[in-house]
All heavy atoms as atom14 arrays in JSON, in Angstrom:
{
  "sequence": "LAAASLPLVPGAEVVGRTPEGRRVVALLTSGGYAEKALALA",
  "atom14_mask": [
    [1, 1, 1, 1, 1, 1, 1, 1, 0, 0, 0, 0, 0, 0],
    [1, 1, 1, 1, 1, 0, 0, 0, 0, 0, 0, 0, 0, 0],
    [1, 1, 1, 1, 1, 0, 0, 0, 0, 0, 0, 0, 0, 0],
    [1, 1, 1, 1, 1, 0, 0, 0, 0, 0, 0, 0, 0, 0],
    [1, 1, 1, 1, 1, 1, 0, 0, 0, 0, 0, 0, 0, 0],
    [1, 1, 1, 1, 1, 1, 1, 1, 0, 0, 0, 0, 0, 0],
    [1, 1, 1, 1, 1, 1, 1, 0, 0, 0, 0, 0, 0, 0],
    [1, 1, 1, 1, 1, 1, 1, 1, 0, 0, 0, 0, 0, 0],
    [1, 1, 1, 1, 1, 1, 1, 0, 0, 0, 0, 0, 0, 0],
    [1, 1, 1, 1, 1, 1, 1, 0, 0, 0, 0, 0, 0, 0],
    [1, 1, 1, 1, 0, 0, 0, 0, 0, 0, 0, 0, 0, 0],
    [1, 1, 1, 1, 1, 0, 0, 0, 0, 0, 0, 0, 0, 0],
    [1, 1, 1, 1, 1, 1, 1, 1, 1, 0, 0, 0, 0, 0],
    [1, 1, 1, 1, 1, 1, 1, 0, 0, 0, 0, 0, 0, 0],
    [1, 1, 1, 1, 1, 1, 1, 0, 0, 0, 0, 0, 0, 0],
    [1, 1, 1, 1, 0, 0, 0, 0, 0, 0, 0, 0, 0, 0],
    [1, 1, 1, 1, 1, 1, 1, 1, 1, 1, 1, 0, 0, 0],
    [1, 1, 1, 1, 1, 1, 1, 0, 0, 0, 0, 0, 0, 0],
    [1, 1, 1, 1, 1, 1, 1, 0, 0, 0, 0, 0, 0, 0],
    [1, 1, 1, 1, 1, 1, 1, 1, 1, 0, 0, 0, 0, 0],
    [1, 1, 1, 1, 0, 0, 0, 0, 0, 0, 0, 0, 0, 0],
    [1, 1, 1, 1, 1, 1, 1, 1, 1, 1, 1, 0, 0, 0],
    [1, 1, 1, 1, 1, 1, 1, 1, 1, 1, 1, 0, 0, 0],
    [1, 1, 1, 1, 1, 1, 1, 0, 0, 0, 0, 0, 0, 0],
    [1, 1, 1, 1, 1, 1, 1, 0, 0, 0, 0, 0, 0, 0],
    [1, 1, 1, 1, 1, 0, 0, 0, 0, 0, 0, 0, 0, 0],
    [1, 1, 1, 1, 1, 1, 1, 1, 0, 0, 0, 0, 0, 0],
    [1, 1, 1, 1, 1, 1, 1, 1, 0, 0, 0, 0, 0, 0],
    [1, 1, 1, 1, 1, 1, 1, 0, 0, 0, 0, 0, 0, 0],
    [1, 1, 1, 1, 1, 1, 0, 0, 0, 0, 0, 0, 0, 0],
    [1, 1, 1, 1, 0, 0, 0, 0, 0, 0, 0, 0, 0, 0],
    [1, 1, 1, 1, 0, 0, 0, 0, 0, 0, 0, 0, 0, 0],
    [1, 1, 1, 1, 1, 1, 1, 1, 1, 1, 1, 1, 0, 0],
    [1, 1, 1, 1, 1, 0, 0, 0, 0, 0, 0, 0, 0, 0],
    [1, 1, 1, 1, 1, 1, 1, 1, 1, 0, 0, 0, 0, 0],
    [1, 1, 1, 1, 1, 1, 1, 1, 1, 0, 0, 0, 0, 0],
    [1, 1, 1, 1, 1, 0, 0, 0, 0, 0, 0, 0, 0, 0],
    [1, 1, 1, 1, 1, 1, 1, 1, 0, 0, 0, 0, 0, 0],
    [1, 1, 1, 1, 1, 0, 0, 0, 0, 0, 0, 0, 0, 0],
    [1, 1, 1, 1, 1, 1, 1, 1, 0, 0, 0, 0, 0, 0],
    [1, 1, 1, 1, 1, 0, 0, 0, 0, 0, 0, 0, 0, 0]
  ],
  "atom14_positions": [
    [[17.23, 1.53, 3.16], [17.97, 2.29, 2.17], [17.29, 3.6, 1.85], [17.93, 4.58, 1.56], [18.03, 1.41, 0.9], [18.96, 0.19, 1.01], [18.84, -0.7, -0.22], [20.47, 0.64, 1.13], [0.0, 0.0, 0.0], [0.0, 0.0, 0.0], [0.0, 0.0, 0.0], [0.0, 0.0, 0.0], [0.0, 0.0, 0.0], [0.0, 0.0, 0.0]],
    [[15.93, 3.64, 1.92], [15.18, 4.85, 1.7], [14.76, 5.4, 3.01], [14.11, 4.7, 3.84], [13.97, 4.54, 0.78], [0.0, 0.0, 0.0], [0.0, 0.0, 0.0], [0.0, 0.0, 0.0], [0.0, 0.0, 0.0], [0.0, 0.0, 0.0], [0.0, 0.0, 0.0], [0.0, 0.0, 0.0], [0.0, 0.0, 0.0], [0.0, 0.0, 0.0]],
    [[15.11, 6.64, 3.31], [14.8, 7.23, 4.59], [13.25, 7.35, 4.79], [12.54, 7.62, 3.82], [15.39, 8.61, 4.71], [0.0, 0.0, 0.0], [0.0, 0.0, 0.0], [0.0, 0.0, 0.0], [0.0, 0.0, 0.0], [0.0, 0.0, 0.0], [0.0, 0.0, 0.0], [0.0, 0.0, 0.0], [0.0, 0.0, 0.0], [0.0, 0.0, 0.0]],
    [[12.71, 7.19, 5.96], [11.33, 7.25, 6.31], [11.03, 8.52, 7.11], [12.0, 9.14, 7.7], [10.88, 6.0, 7.07], [0.0, 0.0, 0.0], [0.0, 0.0, 0.0], [0.0, 0.0, 0.0], [0.0, 0.0, 0.0], [0.0, 0.0, 0.0], [0.0, 0.0, 0.0], [0.0, 0.0, 0.0], [0.0, 0.0, 0.0], [0.0, 0.0, 0.0]],
    [[9.82, 8.96, 7.08], [9.4, 10.12, 7.88], [8.14, 9.77, 8.69], [7.37, 8.88, 8.3], [9.13, 11.36, 7.0], [8.06, 11.01, 6.06], [0.0, 0.0, 0.0], [0.0, 0.0, 0.0], [0.0, 0.0, 0.0], [0.0, 0.0, 0.0], [0.0, 0.0, 0.0], [0.0, 0.0, 0.0], [0.0, 0.0, 0.0], [0.0, 0.0, 0.0]],
    [[7.99, 10.47, 9.78], [6.85, 10.13, 10.65], [5.77, 11.14, 10.59], [5.94, 12.29, 10.2], [7.41, 10.15, 12.17], [8.49, 9.11, 12.49], [8.99, 9.31, 13.84], [7.92, 7.68, 12.33], [0.0, 0.0, 0.0], [0.0, 0.0, 0.0], [0.0, 0.0, 0.0], [0.0, 0.0, 0.0], [0.0, 0.0, 0.0], [0.0, 0.0, 0.0]],
    [[4.47, 10.73, 10.94], [4.06, 9.39, 11.25], [4.05, 8.49, 10.05], [3.95, 8.97, 8.93], [2.62, 9.65, 11.84], [2.14, 10.83, 11.15], [3.33, 11.74, 10.93], [0.0, 0.0, 0.0], [0.0, 0.0, 0.0], [0.0, 0.0, 0.0], [0.0, 0.0, 0.0], [0.0, 0.0, 0.0], [0.0, 0.0, 0.0], [0.0, 0.0, 0.0]],
    [[4.02, 7.18, 10.32], [4.29, 6.25, 9.22], [3.38, 5.02, 9.38], [3.31, 4.48, 10.52], [5.73, 5.8, 9.1], [6.13, 4.66, 8.25], [6.01, 5.05, 6.79], [7.49, 4.12, 8.55], [0.0, 0.0, 0.0], [0.0, 0.0, 0.0], [0.0, 0.0, 0.0], [0.0, 0.0, 0.0], [0.0, 0.0, 0.0], [0.0, 0.0, 0.0]],
    [[2.7, 4.61, 8.35], [2.02, 3.31, 8.31], [2.94, 2.4, 7.51], [3.19, 2.69, 6.3], [0.64, 3.42, 7.67], [0.05, 2.02, 7.49], [-0.29, 4.37, 8.45], [0.0, 0.0, 0.0], [0.0, 0.0, 0.0], [0.0, 0.0, 0.0], [0.0, 0.0, 0.0], [0.0, 0.0, 0.0], [0.0, 0.0, 0.0], [0.0, 0.0, 0.0]],
    [[3.52, 1.41, 8.17], [4.48, 0.54, 7.44], [3.78, -0.4, 6.49], [2.55, -0.45, 6.49], [5.15, -0.18, 8.56], [4.17, -0.27, 9.66], [3.35, 0.97, 9.56], [0.0, 0.0, 0.0], [0.0, 0.0, 0.0], [0.0, 0.0, 0.0], [0.0, 0.0, 0.0], [0.0, 0.0, 0.0], [0.0, 0.0, 0.0], [0.0, 0.0, 0.0]],
    [[4.52, -1.1, 5.69], [3.98, -2.14, 4.75], [4.14, -1.69, 3.39], [3.64, -0.67, 2.91], [0.0, 0.0, 0.0], [0.0, 0.0, 0.0], [0.0, 0.0, 0.0], [0.0, 0.0, 0.0], [0.0, 0.0, 0.0], [0.0, 0.0, 0.0], [0.0, 0.0, 0.0], [0.0, 0.0, 0.0], [0.0, 0.0, 0.0], [0.0, 0.0, 0.0]],
    [[4.87, -2.55, 2.58], [5.2, -2.22, 1.18], [4.57, -3.09, 0.13], [4.8, -2.93, -1.05], [6.72, -2.32, 1.09], [0.0, 0.0, 0.0], [0.0, 0.0, 0.0], [0.0, 0.0, 0.0], [0.0, 0.0, 0.0], [0.0, 0.0, 0.0], [0.0, 0.0, 0.0], [0.0, 0.0, 0.0], [0.0, 0.0, 0.0], [0.0, 0.0, 0.0]],
    [[3.62, -3.95, 0.6], [3.0, -4.8, -0.42], [1.58, -5.26, 0.11], [1.41, -5.51, 1.25], [3.86, -6.04, -0.78], [4.16, -6.85, 0.45], [5.03, -8.08, 0.15], [5.73, -8.1, -0.77], [4.87, -9.11, 0.91], [0.0, 0.0, 0.0], [0.0, 0.0, 0.0], [0.0, 0.0, 0.0], [0.0, 0.0, 0.0], [0.0, 0.0, 0.0]],
    [[0.67, -5.19, -0.83], [-0.72, -5.63, -0.46], [-1.31, -6.37, -1.66], [-0.97, -6.19, -2.83], [-1.61, -4.4, -0.16], [-1.11, -3.71, 1.11], [-1.74, -3.44, -1.3], [0.0, 0.0, 0.0], [0.0, 0.0, 0.0], [0.0, 0.0, 0.0], [0.0, 0.0, 0.0], [0.0, 0.0, 0.0], [0.0, 0.0, 0.0], [0.0, 0.0, 0.0]],
    [[-2.31, -7.19, -1.34], [-3.13, -7.75, -2.36], [-4.56, -7.47, -1.95], [-4.92, -7.49, -0.81], [-2.91, -9.3, -2.54], [-3.22, -10.08, -1.21], [-3.61, -9.87, -3.74], [0.0, 0.0, 0.0], [0.0, 0.0, 0.0], [0.0, 0.0, 0.0], [0.0, 0.0, 0.0], [0.0, 0.0, 0.0], [0.0, 0.0, 0.0], [0.0, 0.0, 0.0]],
    [[-5.41, -7.26, -2.93], [-6.78, -6.92, -2.64], [-7.56, -6.44, -3.84], [-7.11, -6.76, -4.99], [0.0, 0.0, 0.0], [0.0, 0.0, 0.0], [0.0, 0.0, 0.0], [0.0, 0.0, 0.0], [0.0, 0.0, 0.0], [0.0, 0.0, 0.0], [0.0, 0.0, 0.0], [0.0, 0.0, 0.0], [0.0, 0.0, 0.0], [0.0, 0.0, 0.0]],
    [[-8.61, -5.78, -3.69], [-9.45, -5.35, -4.81], [-9.62, -3.88, -4.8], [-9.69, -3.14, -3.76], [-10.8, -6.0, -4.76], [-10.73, -7.48, -5.01], [-12.08, -8.1, -5.23], [-11.98, -9.56, -5.32], [-11.7, -10.25, -6.46], [-11.58, -9.54, -7.58], [-11.66, -11.57, -6.54], [0.0, 0.0, 0.0], [0.0, 0.0, 0.0], [0.0, 0.0, 0.0]],
    [[-9.69, -3.32, -6.03], [-10.0, -1.9, -6.22], [-11.54, -1.72, -6.12], [-12.3, -2.7, -6.24], [-9.53, -1.44, -7.61], [-10.29, -2.04, -8.59], [-8.1, -1.73, -7.84], [0.0, 0.0, 0.0], [0.0, 0.0, 0.0], [0.0, 0.0, 0.0], [0.0, 0.0, 0.0], [0.0, 0.0, 0.0], [0.0, 0.0, 0.0], [0.0, 0.0, 0.0]],
    [[-12.03, -0.49, -6.0], [-13.48, -0.29, -5.95], [-14.16, -0.8, -7.21], [-15.36, -1.11, -7.12], [-13.62, 1.3, -5.86], [-12.35, 1.69, -5.19], [-11.3, 0.76, -5.66], [0.0, 0.0, 0.0], [0.0, 0.0, 0.0], [0.0, 0.0, 0.0], [0.0, 0.0, 0.0], [0.0, 0.0, 0.0], [0.0, 0.0, 0.0], [0.0, 0.0, 0.0]],
    [[-13.47, -0.9, -8.31], [-14.04, -1.46, -9.59], [-14.01, -2.96, -9.63], [-14.55, -3.56, -10.59], [-13.29, -0.88, -10.8], [-13.34, 0.64, -10.93], [-12.42, 1.38, -9.95], [-11.44, 0.76, -9.61], [-12.79, 2.48, -9.57], [0.0, 0.0, 0.0], [0.0, 0.0, 0.0], [0.0, 0.0, 0.0], [0.0, 0.0, 0.0], [0.0, 0.0, 0.0]],
    [[-13.41, -3.61, -8.59], [-13.44, -5.04, -8.56], [-12.15, -5.71, -9.09], [-12.12, -6.96, -9.12], [0.0, 0.0, 0.0], [0.0, 0.0, 0.0], [0.0, 0.0, 0.0], [0.0, 0.0, 0.0], [0.0, 0.0, 0.0], [0.0, 0.0, 0.0], [0.0, 0.0, 0.0], [0.0, 0.0, 0.0], [0.0, 0.0, 0.0], [0.0, 0.0, 0.0]],
    [[-11.22, -4.95, -9.56], [-9.95, -5.57, -10.06], [-9.21, -6.17, -8.9], [-9.12, -5.58, -7.8], [-9.01, -4.53, -10.65], [-9.3, -4.08, -12.06], [-8.31, -3.0, -12.5], [-6.97, -3.48, -12.5], [-5.89, -2.71, -12.39], [-6.0, -1.42, -12.16], [-4.68, -3.28, -12.45], [0.0, 0.0, 0.0], [0.0, 0.0, 0.0], [0.0, 0.0, 0.0]],
    [[-8.73, -7.37, -9.05], [-7.82, -8.01, -8.01], [-6.42, -7.74, -8.37], [-5.94, -8.11, -9.46], [-8.14, -9.52, -8.01], [-7.34, -10.24, -6.86], [-7.99, -11.55, -6.5], [-7.14, -12.21, -5.51], [-6.3, -13.22, -5.77], [-6.16, -13.68, -6.97], [-5.61, -13.81, -4.74], [0.0, 0.0, 0.0], [0.0, 0.0, 0.0], [0.0, 0.0, 0.0]],
    [[-5.74, -7.06, -7.52], [-4.4, -6.63, -7.78], [-3.4, -6.98, -6.64], [-3.78, -7.06, -5.5], [-4.26, -5.15, -8.11], [-5.12, -4.75, -9.35], [-4.71, -4.26, -6.87], [0.0, 0.0, 0.0], [0.0, 0.0, 0.0], [0.0, 0.0, 0.0], [0.0, 0.0, 0.0], [0.0, 0.0, 0.0], [0.0, 0.0, 0.0], [0.0, 0.0, 0.0]],
    [[-2.14, -7.08, -6.99], [-1.1, -7.05, -5.99], [-0.27, -5.85, -6.31], [-0.07, -5.47, -7.43], [-0.2, -8.32, -6.1], [0.52, -8.47, -7.39], [0.78, -8.37, -4.96], [0.0, 0.0, 0.0], [0.0, 0.0, 0.0], [0.0, 0.0, 0.0], [0.0, 0.0, 0.0], [0.0, 0.0, 0.0], [0.0, 0.0, 0.0], [0.0, 0.0, 0.0]],
    [[0.11, -5.1, -5.23], [0.74, -3.82, -5.47], [1.89, -3.61, -4.48], [1.89, -4.11, -3.31], [-0.31, -2.65, -5.27], [0.0, 0.0, 0.0], [0.0, 0.0, 0.0], [0.0, 0.0, 0.0], [0.0, 0.0, 0.0], [0.0, 0.0, 0.0], [0.0, 0.0, 0.0], [0.0, 0.0, 0.0], [0.0, 0.0, 0.0], [0.0, 0.0, 0.0]],
    [[2.87, -2.84, -4.93], [3.97, -2.38, -4.17], [3.79, -0.99, -3.72], [3.32, -0.11, -4.57], [5.34, -2.5, -4.98], [5.77, -3.94, -5.27], [7.07, -3.87, -6.09], [5.97, -4.72, -3.99], [0.0, 0.0, 0.0], [0.0, 0.0, 0.0], [0.0, 0.0, 0.0], [0.0, 0.0, 0.0], [0.0, 0.0, 0.0], [0.0, 0.0, 0.0]],
    [[4.1, -0.63, -2.55], [3.87, 0.72, -2.0], [5.17, 1.2, -1.38], [6.07, 0.45, -1.02], [2.83, 0.67, -0.89], [1.68, -0.31, -0.98], [0.86, -0.4, 0.31], [0.72, 0.1, -2.14], [0.0, 0.0, 0.0], [0.0, 0.0, 0.0], [0.0, 0.0, 0.0], [0.0, 0.0, 0.0], [0.0, 0.0, 0.0], [0.0, 0.0, 0.0]],
    [[5.24, 2.57, -1.15], [6.37, 3.03, -0.37], [6.1, 2.87, 1.16], [6.94, 2.69, 1.97], [6.63, 4.51, -0.68], [5.4, 5.28, -0.49], [7.11, 4.67, -2.11], [0.0, 0.0, 0.0], [0.0, 0.0, 0.0], [0.0, 0.0, 0.0], [0.0, 0.0, 0.0], [0.0, 0.0, 0.0], [0.0, 0.0, 0.0], [0.0, 0.0, 0.0]],
    [[4.8, 2.86, 1.5], [4.33, 2.59, 2.89], [2.84, 2.51, 2.8], [2.19, 2.73, 1.73], [4.75, 3.85, 3.81], [4.1, 5.01, 3.36], [0.0, 0.0, 0.0], [0.0, 0.0, 0.0], [0.0, 0.0, 0.0], [0.0, 0.0, 0.0], [0.0, 0.0, 0.0], [0.0, 0.0, 0.0], [0.0, 0.0, 0.0], [0.0, 0.0, 0.0]],
    [[2.2, 2.17, 3.96], [0.75, 2.17, 4.04], [0.09, 0.8, 3.97], [-1.14, 0.75, 4.01], [0.0, 0.0, 0.0], [0.0, 0.0, 0.0], [0.0, 0.0, 0.0], [0.0, 0.0, 0.0], [0.0, 0.0, 0.0], [0.0, 0.0, 0.0], [0.0, 0.0, 0.0], [0.0, 0.0, 0.0], [0.0, 0.0, 0.0], [0.0, 0.0, 0.0]],
    [[0.86, -0.3, 3.88], [0.25, -1.57, 3.68], [-0.43, -2.25, 4.83], [-1.33, -2.99, 4.72], [0.0, 0.0, 0.0], [0.0, 0.0, 0.0], [0.0, 0.0, 0.0], [0.0, 0.0, 0.0], [0.0, 0.0, 0.0], [0.0, 0.0, 0.0], [0.0, 0.0, 0.0], [0.0, 0.0, 0.0], [0.0, 0.0, 0.0], [0.0, 0.0, 0.0]],
    [[0.01, -1.84, 6.1], [-0.55, -2.54, 7.26], [-1.83, -1.73, 7.62], [-1.93, -1.0, 8.68], [0.43, -2.38, 8.47], [1.66, -3.21, 8.33], [2.04, -3.8, 7.22], [2.49, -3.29, 9.5], [3.21, -4.59, 7.19], [3.66, -4.08, 9.42], [4.09, -4.66, 8.28], [5.19, -5.43, 8.18], [0.0, 0.0, 0.0], [0.0, 0.0, 0.0]],
    [[-2.85, -1.87, 6.84], [-4.08, -1.05, 7.0], [-5.17, -1.78, 6.25], [-4.96, -2.67, 5.49], [-3.89, 0.29, 6.43], [0.0, 0.0, 0.0], [0.0, 0.0, 0.0], [0.0, 0.0, 0.0], [0.0, 0.0, 0.0], [0.0, 0.0, 0.0], [0.0, 0.0, 0.0], [0.0, 0.0, 0.0], [0.0, 0.0, 0.0], [0.0, 0.0, 0.0]],
    [[-6.45, -1.39, 6.55], [-7.62, -1.98, 5.9], [-7.7, -1.5, 4.44], [-8.25, -2.2, 3.58], [-8.89, -1.6, 6.66], [-8.91, -2.38, 7.99], [-10.19, -1.99, 8.78], [-10.56, -0.82, 8.85], [-10.78, -2.96, 9.34], [0.0, 0.0, 0.0], [0.0, 0.0, 0.0], [0.0, 0.0, 0.0], [0.0, 0.0, 0.0], [0.0, 0.0, 0.0]],
    [[-7.19, -0.3, 4.18], [-7.2, 0.21, 2.79], [-5.87, 0.97, 2.62], [-5.28, 1.48, 3.54], [-8.37, 1.22, 2.59], [-9.75, 0.48, 2.65], [-10.85, 1.47, 2.32], [-12.14, 0.75, 2.44], [-13.33, 1.59, 2.04], [0.0, 0.0, 0.0], [0.0, 0.0, 0.0], [0.0, 0.0, 0.0], [0.0, 0.0, 0.0], [0.0, 0.0, 0.0]],
    [[-5.45, 0.9, 1.34], [-4.05, 1.49, 1.06], [-4.11, 2.13, -0.38], [-4.92, 1.75, -1.21], [-3.04, 0.4, 1.08], [0.0, 0.0, 0.0], [0.0, 0.0, 0.0], [0.0, 0.0, 0.0], [0.0, 0.0, 0.0], [0.0, 0.0, 0.0], [0.0, 0.0, 0.0], [0.0, 0.0, 0.0], [0.0, 0.0, 0.0], [0.0, 0.0, 0.0]],
    [[-3.24, 3.02, -0.59], [-3.11, 3.67, -1.86], [-1.83, 3.11, -2.58], [-0.79, 2.79, -1.97], [-2.92, 5.22, -1.73], [-4.04, 5.98, -1.22], [-3.7, 7.48, -1.15], [-5.35, 5.8, -2.01], [0.0, 0.0, 0.0], [0.0, 0.0, 0.0], [0.0, 0.0, 0.0], [0.0, 0.0, 0.0], [0.0, 0.0, 0.0], [0.0, 0.0, 0.0]],
    [[-1.97, 2.92, -3.92], [-0.88, 2.41, -4.74], [-0.85, 3.19, -6.02], [-1.88, 3.66, -6.5], [-1.01, 0.95, -5.01], [0.0, 0.0, 0.0], [0.0, 0.0, 0.0], [0.0, 0.0, 0.0], [0.0, 0.0, 0.0], [0.0, 0.0, 0.0], [0.0, 0.0, 0.0], [0.0, 0.0, 0.0], [0.0, 0.0, 0.0], [0.0, 0.0, 0.0]],
    [[0.29, 3.49, -6.5], [0.41, 3.96, -7.83], [-0.07, 2.94, -8.82], [0.18, 1.8, -8.75], [1.87, 4.34, -8.17], [2.55, 5.49, -7.41], [4.04, 5.56, -7.73], [1.86, 6.83, -7.79], [0.0, 0.0, 0.0], [0.0, 0.0, 0.0], [0.0, 0.0, 0.0], [0.0, 0.0, 0.0], [0.0, 0.0, 0.0], [0.0, 0.0, 0.0]],
    [[-0.86, 3.4, -9.78], [-1.43, 2.49, -10.78], [-0.32, 1.69, -11.48], [-0.56, 0.55, -11.85], [-2.34, 3.25, -11.77], [0.0, 0.0, 0.0], [0.0, 0.0, 0.0], [0.0, 0.0, 0.0], [0.0, 0.0, 0.0], [0.0, 0.0, 0.0], [0.0, 0.0, 0.0], [0.0, 0.0, 0.0], [0.0, 0.0, 0.0], [0.0, 0.0, 0.0]]
  ]
}
């Protein structure tokens, strides 16, 4: 439904920890299939 652009790291959801130690689950527009990802707070 939302158009994508290249290059692209797929993956819309991750669970993990922030550098401060918070354990979070997050939704992303992309970037989840990776060792580290960015999420809007």
